[in-house]
Amino acid sequence: TFFEMCYPFNTSMERAKILCELRRPEINVPNHFRQKSFSRHYELVAQMLNHEPDKRPSANILLESNIIPFEQEEQYEQLLDRMINS
């Protein structure tokens, strides 16, 4: 899933627990996934996990939106994060 590509898991048990939390009606994500550095990822995951299929975005809508992170932007954001946190 997109979430699994964005969020590193330390153990298989952690992965299983977090993915179960994503399936709950309130869609629980780890707290730091909601932070600014993941804000676009969180927005995308929340939309794609909507329990009402009609409210999930289509592939065309996602491609037309600015929600999907592009690799260059993401690399730039990671570089900025490293510079700020150093």
N, C-alpha and C. Protein backbone atom coordinates (compact mmCIF):
# COMPACT_ATOMS: atom_id res chain seq x y z
N THR A 1 0.84 -1.19 0.00
CA THR A 1 0.00 0.00 0.00
C THR A 1 0.88 1.25 0.00
N PHE A 2 0.28 2.38 -0.33
CA PHE A 2 1.01 3.64 -0.33
C PHE A 2 1.55 3.94 1.07
N PHE A 3 0.75 3.68 2.09
CA PHE A 3 1.20 3.93 3.46
C PHE A 3 2.46 3.14 3.77
N GLU A 4 2.49 1.88 3.37
CA GLU A 4 3.66 1.04 3.64
C GLU A 4 4.90 1.53 2.90
N MET A 5 4.73 2.16 1.76
CA MET A 5 5.87 2.72 1.04
C MET A 5 6.43 3.96 1.74
N CYS A 6 5.58 4.67 2.46
CA CYS A 6 5.98 5.92 3.11
C CYS A 6 6.45 5.74 4.55
N TYR A 7 5.97 4.71 5.20
CA TYR A 7 6.20 4.54 6.63
C TYR A 7 7.07 3.32 6.90
N PRO A 8 8.26 3.50 7.47
CA PRO A 8 9.13 2.35 7.75
C PRO A 8 8.69 1.61 9.02
N PHE A 9 8.59 0.31 8.93
CA PHE A 9 8.23 -0.51 10.08
C PHE A 9 9.51 -1.15 10.62
N ASN A 10 9.61 -1.24 11.94
CA ASN A 10 10.78 -1.86 12.56
C ASN A 10 10.63 -3.37 12.68
N THR A 11 9.40 -3.84 12.88
CA THR A 11 9.16 -5.27 13.04
C THR A 11 7.87 -5.66 12.31
N SER A 12 7.71 -6.95 12.10
CA SER A 12 6.48 -7.44 11.47
C SER A 12 5.28 -7.22 12.39
N MET A 13 5.50 -7.35 13.70
CA MET A 13 4.41 -7.13 14.65
C MET A 13 3.95 -5.67 14.61
N GLU A 14 4.90 -4.74 14.54
CA GLU A 14 4.55 -3.32 14.45
C GLU A 14 3.74 -3.08 13.18
N ARG A 15 4.16 -3.66 12.08
CA ARG A 15 3.45 -3.52 10.81
C ARG A 15 2.02 -4.02 10.95
N ALA A 16 1.85 -5.21 11.51
CA ALA A 16 0.52 -5.79 11.67
C ALA A 16 -0.38 -4.91 12.54
N LYS A 17 0.16 -4.41 13.65
CA LYS A 17 -0.64 -3.57 14.56
C LYS A 17 -1.06 -2.27 13.89
N ILE A 18 -0.11 -1.62 13.20
CA ILE A 18 -0.41 -0.33 12.57
C ILE A 18 -1.42 -0.51 11.43
N LEU A 19 -1.25 -1.55 10.63
CA LEU A 19 -2.20 -1.78 9.53
C LEU A 19 -3.59 -2.10 10.05
N CYS A 20 -3.69 -2.79 11.18
CA CYS A 20 -5.01 -3.03 11.80
C CYS A 20 -5.64 -1.71 12.25
N GLU A 21 -4.83 -0.82 12.78
CA GLU A 21 -5.33 0.49 13.22
C GLU A 21 -5.83 1.32 12.03
N LEU A 22 -5.20 1.15 10.88
CA LEU A 22 -5.63 1.88 9.68
C LEU A 22 -7.01 1.44 9.22
N ARG A 23 -7.39 0.23 9.56
CA ARG A 23 -8.68 -0.33 9.11
C ARG A 23 -9.84 0.02 10.03
N ARG A 24 -9.54 0.61 11.16
CA ARG A 24 -10.61 0.99 12.10
C ARG A 24 -11.47 2.10 11.48
N PRO A 25 -12.70 2.25 11.95
CA PRO A 25 -13.57 3.31 11.42
C PRO A 25 -12.96 4.71 11.53
N GLU A 26 -12.17 4.95 12.58
CA GLU A 26 -11.58 6.28 12.75
C GLU A 26 -10.21 6.42 12.08
N ILE A 27 -9.72 5.38 11.42
CA ILE A 27 -8.44 5.37 10.69
C ILE A 27 -7.32 5.96 11.54
N ASN A 28 -6.81 5.17 12.46
CA ASN A 28 -5.73 5.61 13.35
C ASN A 28 -4.38 5.43 12.67
N VAL A 29 -3.64 6.52 12.55
CA VAL A 29 -2.28 6.46 12.02
C VAL A 29 -1.32 6.84 13.14
N PRO A 30 -0.06 6.42 13.06
CA PRO A 30 0.90 6.84 14.09
C PRO A 30 0.96 8.36 14.18
N ASN A 31 1.10 8.88 15.39
CA ASN A 31 1.07 10.33 15.60
C ASN A 31 2.05 11.09 14.73
N HIS A 32 3.28 10.61 14.62
CA HIS A 32 4.26 11.38 13.84
C HIS A 32 4.00 11.31 12.34
N PHE A 33 3.10 10.44 11.89
CA PHE A 33 2.73 10.44 10.47
C PHE A 33 1.84 11.64 10.14
N ARG A 34 1.25 12.24 11.15
CA ARG A 34 0.41 13.43 10.95
C ARG A 34 1.22 14.72 10.97
N GLN A 35 2.51 14.64 11.29
CA GLN A 35 3.34 15.83 11.37
C GLN A 35 3.56 16.44 9.99
N LYS A 36 4.08 17.65 10.00
CA LYS A 36 4.22 18.42 8.77
C LYS A 36 4.99 17.67 7.69
N SER A 37 6.05 16.96 8.06
CA SER A 37 6.87 16.29 7.05
C SER A 37 6.10 15.20 6.31
N PHE A 38 5.03 14.68 6.91
CA PHE A 38 4.21 13.66 6.27
C PHE A 38 2.82 14.18 5.91
N SER A 39 2.57 15.47 6.00
CA SER A 39 1.20 15.99 5.88
C SER A 39 0.55 15.61 4.55
N ARG A 40 1.27 15.69 3.45
CA ARG A 40 0.68 15.33 2.16
C ARG A 40 0.42 13.83 2.09
N HIS A 41 1.33 13.05 2.65
CA HIS A 41 1.15 11.60 2.68
C HIS A 41 -0.08 11.25 3.52
N TYR A 42 -0.21 11.90 4.67
CA TYR A 42 -1.34 11.63 5.55
C TYR A 42 -2.66 11.96 4.85
N GLU A 43 -2.70 13.10 4.20
CA GLU A 43 -3.91 13.52 3.49
C GLU A 43 -4.30 12.48 2.44
N LEU A 44 -3.32 12.00 1.70
CA LEU A 44 -3.58 11.01 0.66
C LEU A 44 -4.05 9.68 1.26
N VAL A 45 -3.37 9.22 2.29
CA VAL A 45 -3.74 7.96 2.95
C VAL A 45 -5.16 8.05 3.51
N ALA A 46 -5.47 9.16 4.17
CA ALA A 46 -6.80 9.33 4.76
C ALA A 46 -7.89 9.28 3.69
N GLN A 47 -7.65 9.93 2.55
CA GLN A 47 -8.64 9.91 1.47
C GLN A 47 -8.79 8.51 0.88
N MET A 48 -7.68 7.83 0.68
CA MET A 48 -7.73 6.51 0.05
C MET A 48 -8.31 5.44 0.97
N LEU A 49 -8.25 5.66 2.28
CA LEU A 49 -8.78 4.68 3.23
C LEU A 49 -10.21 4.98 3.68
N ASN A 50 -10.83 5.97 3.07
CA ASN A 50 -12.21 6.29 3.44
C ASN A 50 -13.06 5.03 3.33
N HIS A 51 -13.84 4.76 4.35
CA HIS A 51 -14.64 3.54 4.39
C HIS A 51 -15.82 3.57 3.42
N GLU A 52 -16.13 4.74 2.89
CA GLU A 52 -17.20 4.86 1.90
C GLU A 52 -16.54 4.95 0.52
N PRO A 53 -16.64 3.90 -0.29
CA PRO A 53 -15.96 3.88 -1.58
C PRO A 53 -16.24 5.09 -2.47
N ASP A 54 -17.46 5.61 -2.43
CA ASP A 54 -17.80 6.76 -3.26
C ASP A 54 -17.02 8.01 -2.88
N LYS A 55 -16.49 8.05 -1.67
CA LYS A 55 -15.75 9.22 -1.20
C LYS A 55 -14.24 9.10 -1.43
N ARG A 56 -13.79 7.94 -1.91
CA ARG A 56 -12.37 7.75 -2.21
C ARG A 56 -12.07 8.41 -3.56
N PRO A 57 -10.92 9.04 -3.69
CA PRO A 57 -10.58 9.68 -4.97
C PRO A 57 -10.24 8.64 -6.04
N SER A 58 -10.58 8.97 -7.26
CA SER A 58 -10.22 8.09 -8.38
C SER A 58 -8.75 8.35 -8.74
N ALA A 59 -8.19 7.47 -9.54
CA ALA A 59 -6.80 7.64 -9.98
C ALA A 59 -6.65 8.95 -10.75
N ASN A 60 -7.63 9.29 -11.59
CA ASN A 60 -7.55 10.54 -12.35
C ASN A 60 -7.56 11.75 -11.44
N ILE A 61 -8.41 11.73 -10.43
CA ILE A 61 -8.47 12.86 -9.49
C ILE A 61 -7.15 13.00 -8.76
N LEU A 62 -6.57 11.88 -8.35
CA LEU A 62 -5.29 11.93 -7.64
C LEU A 62 -4.19 12.50 -8.53
N LEU A 63 -4.16 12.08 -9.80
CA LEU A 63 -3.13 12.57 -10.71
C LEU A 63 -3.29 14.06 -11.01
N GLU A 64 -4.52 14.55 -11.02
CA GLU A 64 -4.77 15.96 -11.29
C GLU A 64 -4.55 16.84 -10.07
N SER A 65 -4.55 16.24 -8.90
CA SER A 65 -4.39 17.02 -7.67
C SER A 65 -2.91 17.24 -7.38
N ASN A 66 -2.64 18.02 -6.35
CA ASN A 66 -1.25 18.23 -5.94
C ASN A 66 -0.93 17.41 -4.69
N ILE A 67 -1.75 16.40 -4.43
CA ILE A 67 -1.57 15.59 -3.23
C ILE A 67 -0.44 14.57 -3.39
N ILE A 68 -0.34 13.97 -4.57
CA ILE A 68 0.67 12.93 -4.77
C ILE A 68 2.06 13.57 -4.74
N PRO A 69 2.91 13.08 -3.84
CA PRO A 69 4.26 13.65 -3.76
C PRO A 69 5.11 13.18 -4.94
N PHE A 70 5.77 14.13 -5.55
CA PHE A 70 6.67 13.80 -6.64
C PHE A 70 8.07 13.62 -6.08
N GLU A 71 8.84 12.75 -6.69
CA GLU A 71 10.13 12.34 -6.14
C GLU A 71 11.06 13.52 -5.88
N GLN A 72 11.17 14.47 -6.80
CA GLN A 72 12.07 15.60 -6.61
C GLN A 72 11.64 16.44 -5.42
N GLU A 73 10.36 16.71 -5.31
CA GLU A 73 9.85 17.48 -4.17
C GLU A 73 10.15 16.76 -2.87
N GLU A 74 9.93 15.47 -2.86
CA GLU A 74 10.15 14.69 -1.65
C GLU A 74 11.63 14.69 -1.26
N GLN A 75 12.51 14.56 -2.23
CA GLN A 75 13.94 14.60 -1.95
C GLN A 75 14.35 15.97 -1.40
N TYR A 76 13.78 17.02 -1.96
CA TYR A 76 14.05 18.37 -1.49
C TYR A 76 13.58 18.55 -0.05
N GLU A 77 12.39 18.06 0.26
CA GLU A 77 11.86 18.16 1.62
C GLU A 77 12.73 17.37 2.61
N GLN A 78 13.20 16.20 2.20
CA GLN A 78 14.06 15.41 3.07
C GLN A 78 15.38 16.12 3.32
N LEU A 79 15.93 16.74 2.28
CA LEU A 79 17.17 17.50 2.43
C LEU A 79 16.97 18.65 3.40
N LEU A 80 15.87 19.37 3.26
CA LEU A 80 15.57 20.48 4.18
C LEU A 80 15.42 19.98 5.61
N ASP A 81 14.72 18.88 5.79
CA ASP A 81 14.56 18.31 7.13
C ASP A 81 15.90 17.97 7.75
N ARG A 82 16.79 17.36 6.95
CA ARG A 82 18.12 17.02 7.48
C ARG A 82 18.90 18.27 7.86
N MET A 83 18.80 19.31 7.03
CA MET A 83 19.52 20.55 7.32
C MET A 83 18.99 21.22 8.58
N ILE A 84 17.69 21.22 8.72
CA ILE A 84 17.06 21.86 9.89
C ILE A 84 17.36 21.08 11.16
N ASN A 85 17.33 19.77 11.08
CA ASN A 85 17.53 18.93 12.26
C ASN A 85 18.99 18.69 12.61
N SER A 86 19.90 19.18 11.78
CA SER A 86 21.34 18.99 12.07
C SER A 86 21.87 20.02 13.03
